[in-house]
Amino acid sequence: MNIEVLASSSAGNAYKVSDGNTDLLLDAGLSYKELQRRLNFQVSSLAAILISHSHKDHCKAVPNLLKTGIDVYMSQQTADQSNVSGHRVKVIEPLKQYKIGSWTVLPFELEHDVTNLGYLLANKTGEKLLYATDTYYCKYKFKGLTHVLIECNHSYDILAANVENGSVPVEHKNRLIRSHFSLENVKEFLKANDLSMVREIYLIHLSSGNSDAGRFKREIAELTGKMIFVAEK
């Protein structure tokens, strides 16, 4: 499995995943021109795009991607909120499996301030990738994971310090806590899951002012003993 971080921040999120047979894009939160550039102008190599939710930093390029003839998978609520339709919009339901090329894809619900899906992707060689972003909690547990792409947006102590010094309004802090994965919650989630086969963990969607990439990488590595990558793009 090859994972390529194209963008991972509140300015835009997009991740290319390939098993050597089928290329998928997880979220498309960049302008279409910028996405083209980061894909080395090989957008047509994508078999499909999987969208988590309707916020623009995750779905900005969708209208143009649909025009190129690429299937885009999302919930009905996300399609409605994004105002997209047509035969290339593939409406999916949580906990119902789908085949996309050489991948088996299982969407599942996450907790956010809009309808949001995470994805479990499995290929024919037995590799399993978990993708979960923009959530403060995941009620599901997973076995046999080999790769993890998980949001690690902020930590409570950094956020509290930023509220105290006035750089973060209390309202923004409350929204982050109710809608994005904290370092503390990521740790609890990882401890609750079977990581015995995990090779790589990617920490994604870090807040620009409420995170510490070096610390987050160190603490998750100490907790899991796994190879940790921090997406900073």
Protein backbone atom coordinates (compact mmCIF):
# COMPACT_ATOMS: atom_id res chain seq x y z
CA MET A 1 0.00 0.00 0.00
CA ASN A 2 1.22 3.46 -0.88
CA ILE A 3 -0.16 6.51 0.93
CA GLU A 4 0.54 10.02 -0.33
CA VAL A 5 -0.46 13.06 1.70
CA LEU A 6 -1.47 15.77 -0.77
CA ALA A 7 -2.91 18.17 1.81
CA SER A 8 -3.68 17.93 5.51
CA SER A 9 -4.85 21.04 7.33
CA SER A 10 -7.85 23.28 7.82
CA ALA A 11 -6.91 24.82 4.44
CA GLY A 12 -7.52 21.52 2.64
CA ASN A 13 -7.35 17.75 2.96
CA ALA A 14 -6.63 15.10 0.33
CA TYR A 15 -4.86 11.73 0.50
CA LYS A 16 -4.01 9.41 -2.37
CA VAL A 17 -4.03 5.69 -1.62
CA SER A 18 -2.93 2.95 -4.01
CA ASP A 19 -2.43 -0.81 -3.80
CA GLY A 20 -0.67 -0.91 -7.17
CA ASN A 21 -3.90 -1.72 -8.98
CA THR A 22 -6.48 0.88 -8.03
CA ASP A 23 -5.80 4.49 -7.05
CA LEU A 24 -8.27 6.19 -4.70
CA LEU A 25 -8.47 9.72 -3.34
CA LEU A 26 -9.66 10.25 0.23
CA ASP A 27 -11.26 13.69 0.36
CA ALA A 28 -10.70 16.50 -2.13
CA GLY A 29 -10.50 19.72 -0.18
CA LEU A 30 -8.34 21.73 -2.54
CA SER A 31 -9.16 23.79 -5.61
CA TYR A 32 -9.29 21.59 -8.68
CA LYS A 33 -6.22 23.29 -10.18
CA GLU A 34 -4.21 22.78 -7.02
CA LEU A 35 -5.33 19.16 -6.77
CA GLN A 36 -4.26 18.61 -10.37
CA ARG A 37 -0.84 20.04 -9.58
CA ARG A 38 -0.32 17.89 -6.49
CA LEU A 39 -1.38 14.81 -8.46
CA ASN A 40 1.19 15.67 -11.15
CA PHE A 41 -1.70 16.26 -13.57
CA GLN A 42 -2.70 12.59 -13.40
CA VAL A 43 -6.22 13.03 -12.07
CA SER A 44 -7.49 10.53 -14.63
CA SER A 45 -5.51 7.78 -12.90
CA LEU A 46 -7.97 7.92 -9.98
CA ALA A 47 -10.60 5.21 -9.96
CA ALA A 48 -12.78 7.04 -7.43
CA ILE A 49 -12.90 9.66 -4.69
CA LEU A 50 -14.26 8.99 -1.20
CA ILE A 51 -15.60 12.05 0.60
CA SER A 52 -15.95 12.17 4.38
CA HIS A 53 -18.25 15.20 4.74
CA SER A 54 -19.45 18.47 3.24
CA HIS A 55 -17.00 21.00 4.69
CA LYS A 56 -15.08 22.70 1.89
CA ASP A 57 -11.66 21.69 3.21
CA HIS A 58 -12.70 18.13 2.38
CA CYS A 59 -14.81 18.46 -0.76
CA LYS A 60 -13.91 21.70 -2.57
CA ALA A 61 -12.83 20.02 -5.84
CA VAL A 62 -15.82 17.66 -6.08
CA PRO A 63 -17.87 19.58 -8.70
CA ASN A 64 -14.91 19.68 -11.10
CA LEU A 65 -13.94 16.08 -10.39
CA LEU A 66 -17.45 14.99 -11.31
CA LYS A 67 -17.10 16.84 -14.62
CA THR A 68 -13.98 14.81 -15.42
CA GLY A 69 -16.01 11.60 -15.24
CA ILE A 70 -14.66 10.23 -11.95
CA ASP A 71 -17.04 8.52 -9.51
CA VAL A 72 -17.32 10.31 -6.17
CA TYR A 73 -18.64 8.35 -3.18
CA MET A 74 -20.42 10.15 -0.33
CA SER A 75 -23.46 10.01 1.93
CA GLN A 76 -26.78 11.41 0.73
CA GLN A 77 -26.54 14.14 3.34
CA THR A 78 -23.11 15.18 2.06
CA ALA A 79 -24.37 15.22 -1.53
CA ASP A 80 -27.31 17.39 -0.49
CA GLN A 81 -25.17 19.75 1.58
CA SER A 82 -22.62 20.03 -1.24
CA ASN A 83 -25.35 20.55 -3.84
CA VAL A 84 -24.00 17.86 -6.19
CA SER A 85 -25.88 15.20 -8.10
CA GLY A 86 -25.69 13.05 -11.22
CA HIS A 87 -24.73 9.50 -12.11
CA ARG A 88 -21.12 10.00 -10.99
CA VAL A 89 -22.28 10.74 -7.43
CA LYS A 90 -22.34 7.34 -5.74
CA VAL A 91 -24.47 7.59 -2.61
CA ILE A 92 -23.27 5.21 0.07
CA GLU A 93 -24.59 4.08 3.44
CA PRO A 94 -22.73 3.42 6.70
CA LEU A 95 -21.77 -0.21 7.41
CA LYS A 96 -22.56 -1.34 3.86
CA GLN A 97 -19.57 -2.67 1.90
CA TYR A 98 -18.67 -1.51 -1.59
CA LYS A 99 -16.20 -2.79 -4.18
CA ILE A 100 -14.10 -0.20 -5.97
CA GLY A 101 -11.57 -1.84 -8.25
CA SER A 102 -9.29 -3.99 -6.12
CA TRP A 103 -10.53 -2.40 -2.87
CA THR A 104 -13.33 -3.34 -0.51
CA VAL A 105 -14.61 -0.20 1.19
CA LEU A 106 -16.65 -0.03 4.39
CA PRO A 107 -17.97 3.40 5.41
CA PHE A 108 -18.83 4.03 9.05
CA GLU A 109 -20.30 6.95 10.97
CA LEU A 110 -18.19 9.45 12.87
CA GLU A 111 -19.20 12.22 15.27
CA HIS A 112 -18.88 15.73 13.83
CA ASP A 113 -21.09 18.80 13.43
CA VAL A 114 -22.35 17.51 10.07
CA THR A 115 -22.88 13.97 8.76
CA ASN A 116 -19.40 12.47 8.51
CA LEU A 117 -18.03 9.11 7.36
CA GLY A 118 -14.83 7.29 8.10
CA TYR A 119 -13.60 4.52 5.80
CA LEU A 120 -12.08 1.08 6.24
CA LEU A 121 -10.29 0.03 3.06
CA ALA A 122 -9.07 -3.53 2.45
CA ASN A 123 -7.11 -4.78 -0.58
CA LYS A 124 -6.55 -8.25 -1.95
CA THR A 125 -3.17 -8.68 -0.25
CA GLY A 126 -4.75 -8.41 3.21
CA GLU A 127 -3.76 -4.84 3.97
CA LYS A 128 -6.33 -2.70 5.81
CA LEU A 129 -6.36 1.07 6.04
CA LEU A 130 -8.45 3.05 8.52
CA TYR A 131 -9.29 6.66 7.60
CA ALA A 132 -10.92 8.81 10.27
CA THR A 133 -10.93 12.60 10.40
CA ASP A 134 -12.99 15.50 11.75
CA THR A 135 -14.46 13.63 14.68
CA TYR A 136 -14.17 13.79 18.44
CA TYR A 137 -15.12 10.13 18.97
CA CYS A 138 -15.30 6.81 17.13
CA LYS A 139 -17.54 4.15 18.64
CA TYR A 140 -16.19 1.33 16.46
CA LYS A 141 -13.24 -0.98 17.03
CA PHE A 142 -11.20 -2.56 14.26
CA LYS A 143 -9.11 -5.70 13.85
CA GLY A 144 -6.32 -6.50 11.46
CA LEU A 145 -5.41 -2.92 10.58
CA THR A 146 -2.09 -2.43 8.81
CA HIS A 147 -2.25 1.32 8.17
CA VAL A 148 -3.99 4.15 10.05
CA LEU A 149 -4.76 7.67 8.82
CA ILE A 150 -6.22 9.45 11.83
CA GLU A 151 -6.87 13.04 12.79
CA CYS A 152 -4.84 14.38 15.72
CA ASN A 153 -6.01 17.98 15.68
CA HIS A 154 -5.11 19.47 19.05
CA SER A 155 -4.27 18.73 22.66
CA TYR A 156 -6.29 19.93 25.61
CA ASP A 157 -3.38 21.58 27.40
CA ILE A 158 -2.22 23.59 24.36
CA LEU A 159 -5.82 24.61 23.67
CA ALA A 160 -6.34 25.68 27.30
CA ALA A 161 -3.14 27.74 27.24
CA ASN A 162 -4.23 29.45 24.03
CA VAL A 163 -7.59 30.32 25.56
CA GLU A 164 -5.83 31.72 28.61
CA ASN A 165 -3.47 33.92 26.56
CA GLY A 166 -6.35 35.12 24.40
CA SER A 167 -5.24 33.67 21.07
CA VAL A 168 -8.19 31.25 20.91
CA PRO A 169 -11.77 32.33 21.78
CA VAL A 170 -13.64 30.09 24.18
CA GLU A 171 -16.30 29.46 21.51
CA HIS A 172 -13.66 28.14 19.10
CA LYS A 173 -12.19 25.91 21.79
CA ASN A 174 -15.63 24.45 22.53
CA ARG A 175 -16.24 23.78 18.83
CA LEU A 176 -12.87 22.04 18.42
CA ILE A 177 -13.52 19.79 21.41
CA ARG A 178 -16.95 18.82 20.03
CA SER A 179 -15.85 18.23 16.44
CA HIS A 180 -12.18 17.23 16.15
CA PHE A 181 -9.98 14.44 17.51
CA SER A 182 -7.67 15.53 20.32
CA LEU A 183 -4.34 13.88 21.08
CA GLU A 184 -5.89 12.53 24.25
CA ASN A 185 -8.83 10.94 22.44
CA VAL A 186 -6.60 9.53 19.71
CA LYS A 187 -4.58 7.76 22.38
CA GLU A 188 -7.71 6.24 23.89
CA PHE A 189 -8.94 5.16 20.47
CA LEU A 190 -5.64 3.50 19.59
CA LYS A 191 -5.47 1.71 22.94
CA ALA A 192 -8.98 0.32 22.34
CA ASN A 193 -8.06 -1.19 18.97
CA ASP A 194 -5.99 -4.13 17.76
CA LEU A 195 -2.73 -2.64 16.51
CA SER A 196 -0.77 -5.89 16.33
CA MET A 197 -0.47 -5.81 12.52
CA VAL A 198 -0.19 -2.04 12.10
CA ARG A 199 2.89 -0.91 10.16
CA GLU A 200 2.29 2.83 9.85
CA ILE A 201 0.20 5.47 11.61
CA TYR A 202 -0.31 8.85 9.96
CA LEU A 203 -1.39 11.74 12.20
CA ILE A 204 -3.40 14.11 10.01
CA HIS A 205 -5.31 17.41 10.12
CA LEU A 206 -3.22 19.01 12.88
CA SER A 207 -4.42 22.44 13.99
CA SER A 208 -1.90 25.12 13.05
CA GLY A 209 -1.97 26.77 16.47
CA ASN A 210 -3.25 24.11 18.84
CA SER A 211 -0.89 21.22 18.12
CA ASP A 212 2.75 20.22 18.45
CA ALA A 213 3.85 17.88 15.67
CA GLY A 214 7.03 16.71 17.37
CA ARG A 215 5.32 16.01 20.66
CA PHE A 216 2.34 14.29 19.05
CA LYS A 217 4.63 12.03 17.00
CA ARG A 218 6.75 11.18 20.05
CA GLU A 219 3.82 10.41 22.34
CA ILE A 220 1.96 8.24 19.82
CA ALA A 221 5.19 6.38 19.00
CA GLU A 222 5.81 5.74 22.70
CA LEU A 223 2.25 4.51 23.14
CA THR A 224 2.12 2.21 20.11
CA GLY A 225 5.70 1.30 19.21
CA LYS A 226 4.79 1.89 15.56
CA MET A 227 6.21 3.96 12.71
CA ILE A 228 4.56 7.39 13.00
CA PHE A 229 4.27 10.03 10.28
CA VAL A 230 2.91 13.51 10.86
CA ALA A 231 1.17 15.09 7.88
CA GLU A 232 2.05 18.78 7.69
CA LYS A 233 0.92 20.19 4.34
